[in-house]
Amino acid sequence: MMRISDLQSKDVVSVGDGKRLGSIGDLEIDTDSGLISALVIPSQGRFFGMVGGGQDYVVPWNQIVKIGTDVILVDLRPLRESGYYLPPQSGKKGTGGY
């Protein structure tokens, strides 16, 4: 069993380029199933979601490769391969298919 606080303490890293995306700021939950559908990683310049610009990374659950003790590895496929899209007004950066 894992708690949200356990997930939030881990760094999120892209396996494609080794880039550290940040730490989890929020989760998207499917209210019908009660399952986590995506991780939301705030842009680097944000402080408690209020200050700074940039777009958040939204990483669908199916793009998590491994949840380790200190890090969460994710595979960020290009938009054209995944079909995942978030409208521009959402302020979030889609990274792959639900």
C-alpha atoms as a PDB file:
ATOM      1  CA  MET A   1       0.000   0.000   0.000  1.00  0.00           C
ATOM      2  CA  MET A   2       1.201   3.506  -0.809  1.00  0.00           C
ATOM      3  CA  ARG A   3       0.004   6.902   0.384  1.00  0.00           C
ATOM      4  CA  ILE A   4      -0.157  10.110  -1.628  1.00  0.00           C
ATOM      5  CA  SER A   5       2.528  11.587   0.618  1.00  0.00           C
ATOM      6  CA  ASP A   6       4.806   8.668  -0.361  1.00  0.00           C
ATOM      7  CA  LEU A   7       4.390   9.566  -4.037  1.00  0.00           C
ATOM      8  CA  GLN A   8       4.895  13.297  -3.446  1.00  0.00           C
ATOM      9  CA  SER A   9       8.285  12.728  -1.820  1.00  0.00           C
ATOM     10  CA  LYS A  10       9.720  11.101  -4.969  1.00  0.00           C
ATOM     11  CA  ASP A  11      11.384  12.834  -7.930  1.00  0.00           C
ATOM     12  CA  VAL A  12       9.796  12.204 -11.328  1.00  0.00           C
ATOM     13  CA  VAL A  13      12.369  11.433 -14.056  1.00  0.00           C
ATOM     14  CA  SER A  14      11.894  10.866 -17.787  1.00  0.00           C
ATOM     15  CA  VAL A  15      13.559   7.620 -18.935  1.00  0.00           C
ATOM     16  CA  GLY A  16      13.982   8.973 -22.466  1.00  0.00           C
ATOM     17  CA  ASP A  17      16.446  11.741 -21.624  1.00  0.00           C
ATOM     18  CA  GLY A  18      17.035  11.399 -17.863  1.00  0.00           C
ATOM     19  CA  LYS A  19      15.487  14.824 -17.243  1.00  0.00           C
ATOM     20  CA  ARG A  20      14.140  15.480 -13.757  1.00  0.00           C
ATOM     21  CA  LEU A  21      10.610  16.800 -14.235  1.00  0.00           C
ATOM     22  CA  GLY A  22      10.056  17.648 -10.578  1.00  0.00           C
ATOM     23  CA  SER A  23       7.931  16.263  -7.781  1.00  0.00           C
ATOM     24  CA  ILE A  24       4.248  15.398  -7.828  1.00  0.00           C
ATOM     25  CA  GLY A  25       2.061  18.356  -6.959  1.00  0.00           C
ATOM     26  CA  ASP A  26      -1.318  16.789  -7.616  1.00  0.00           C
ATOM     27  CA  LEU A  27      -3.111  13.689  -8.870  1.00  0.00           C
ATOM     28  CA  GLU A  28      -5.948  13.307 -11.337  1.00  0.00           C
ATOM     29  CA  ILE A  29      -8.451  10.724 -10.145  1.00  0.00           C
ATOM     30  CA  ASP A  30     -11.147   9.049 -12.232  1.00  0.00           C
ATOM     31  CA  THR A  31     -14.238   9.645 -10.102  1.00  0.00           C
ATOM     32  CA  ASP A  32     -16.085   6.713 -11.683  1.00  0.00           C
ATOM     33  CA  SER A  33     -13.446   4.097 -10.908  1.00  0.00           C
ATOM     34  CA  GLY A  34     -11.652   5.788  -8.003  1.00  0.00           C
ATOM     35  CA  LEU A  35      -8.301   5.084  -9.701  1.00  0.00           C
ATOM     36  CA  ILE A  36      -5.462   7.544 -10.268  1.00  0.00           C
ATOM     37  CA  SER A  37      -5.476   8.513 -13.950  1.00  0.00           C
ATOM     38  CA  ALA A  38      -2.503  10.905 -14.024  1.00  0.00           C
ATOM     39  CA  LEU A  39       0.265  12.578 -12.046  1.00  0.00           C
ATOM     40  CA  VAL A  40       0.531  16.367 -12.208  1.00  0.00           C
ATOM     41  CA  ILE A  41       4.018  17.847 -11.866  1.00  0.00           C
ATOM     42  CA  PRO A  42       4.009  21.638 -11.436  1.00  0.00           C
ATOM     43  CA  SER A  43       6.302  23.686 -13.663  1.00  0.00           C
ATOM     44  CA  GLN A  44       9.666  24.508 -12.076  1.00  0.00           C
ATOM     45  CA  GLY A  45       8.880  28.159 -11.280  1.00  0.00           C
ATOM     46  CA  ARG A  46       5.725  27.521  -9.272  1.00  0.00           C
ATOM     47  CA  PHE A  47       5.371  27.750  -5.512  1.00  0.00           C
ATOM     48  CA  PHE A  48       2.354  25.916  -4.084  1.00  0.00           C
ATOM     49  CA  GLY A  49       0.680  26.260  -7.481  1.00  0.00           C
ATOM     50  CA  MET A  50       0.339  30.027  -7.192  1.00  0.00           C
ATOM     51  CA  VAL A  51       3.479  31.890  -8.209  1.00  0.00           C
ATOM     52  CA  GLY A  52       5.316  31.652 -11.506  1.00  0.00           C
ATOM     53  CA  GLY A  53       4.479  30.710 -15.032  1.00  0.00           C
ATOM     54  CA  GLY A  54       4.994  27.725 -17.239  1.00  0.00           C
ATOM     55  CA  GLN A  55       2.913  24.692 -17.855  1.00  0.00           C
ATOM     56  CA  ASP A  56       2.407  21.690 -15.647  1.00  0.00           C
ATOM     57  CA  TYR A  57       3.348  18.217 -16.841  1.00  0.00           C
ATOM     58  CA  VAL A  58       0.433  15.786 -16.838  1.00  0.00           C
ATOM     59  CA  VAL A  59       1.732  12.211 -16.896  1.00  0.00           C
ATOM     60  CA  PRO A  60      -0.935   9.552 -17.481  1.00  0.00           C
ATOM     61  CA  TRP A  61      -0.717   6.577 -15.139  1.00  0.00           C
ATOM     62  CA  ASN A  62      -0.002   4.188 -18.027  1.00  0.00           C
ATOM     63  CA  GLN A  63       3.243   6.069 -18.744  1.00  0.00           C
ATOM     64  CA  ILE A  64       4.780   5.228 -15.374  1.00  0.00           C
ATOM     65  CA  VAL A  65       7.582   2.742 -15.970  1.00  0.00           C
ATOM     66  CA  LYS A  66       8.680   2.144 -12.378  1.00  0.00           C
ATOM     67  CA  ILE A  67       7.996   3.511  -8.911  1.00  0.00           C
ATOM     68  CA  GLY A  68      11.212   3.146  -6.943  1.00  0.00           C
ATOM     69  CA  THR A  69      12.162   4.078  -3.396  1.00  0.00           C
ATOM     70  CA  ASP A  70      13.330   7.601  -4.334  1.00  0.00           C
ATOM     71  CA  VAL A  71      12.208   8.141  -7.906  1.00  0.00           C
ATOM     72  CA  ILE A  72       9.320   7.600 -10.331  1.00  0.00           C
ATOM     73  CA  LEU A  73      10.441   6.777 -13.874  1.00  0.00           C
ATOM     74  CA  VAL A  74       8.098   7.853 -16.668  1.00  0.00           C
ATOM     75  CA  ASP A  75       8.100   7.339 -20.433  1.00  0.00           C
ATOM     76  CA  LEU A  76       6.973  10.530 -22.179  1.00  0.00           C
ATOM     77  CA  ARG A  77       5.971   9.675 -25.731  1.00  0.00           C
ATOM     78  CA  PRO A  78       5.447  12.448 -28.284  1.00  0.00           C
ATOM     79  CA  LEU A  79       1.922  13.801 -28.596  1.00  0.00           C
ATOM     80  CA  ARG A  80       1.460  12.550 -32.160  1.00  0.00           C
ATOM     81  CA  GLU A  81       2.008   8.908 -31.096  1.00  0.00           C
ATOM     82  CA  SER A  82      -0.246   8.982 -28.078  1.00  0.00           C
ATOM     83  CA  GLY A  83      -3.360  10.871 -29.099  1.00  0.00           C
ATOM     84  CA  TYR A  84      -3.514  12.578 -25.696  1.00  0.00           C
ATOM     85  CA  TYR A  85      -4.559  16.205 -25.801  1.00  0.00           C
ATOM     86  CA  LEU A  86      -5.327  18.910 -23.278  1.00  0.00           C
ATOM     87  CA  PRO A  87      -6.903  22.126 -24.515  1.00  0.00           C
ATOM     88  CA  PRO A  88      -4.578  25.186 -24.390  1.00  0.00           C
ATOM     89  CA  GLN A  89      -6.749  26.937 -21.793  1.00  0.00           C
ATOM     90  CA  SER A  90      -6.151  24.106 -19.293  1.00  0.00           C
ATOM     91  CA  GLY A  91      -2.638  25.412 -18.554  1.00  0.00           C
ATOM     92  CA  LYS A  92      -1.304  21.864 -18.558  1.00  0.00           C
ATOM     93  CA  LYS A  93       1.092  20.161 -20.935  1.00  0.00           C
ATOM     94  CA  GLY A  94      -0.202  16.822 -22.247  1.00  0.00           C
ATOM     95  CA  THR A  95       2.474  14.185 -22.533  1.00  0.00           C
ATOM     96  CA  GLY A  96       0.828  10.969 -23.654  1.00  0.00           C
ATOM     97  CA  GLY A  97      -2.247   8.802 -24.065  1.00  0.00           C
ATOM     98  CA  TYR A  98      -4.905   7.991 -21.516  1.00  0.00           C
END
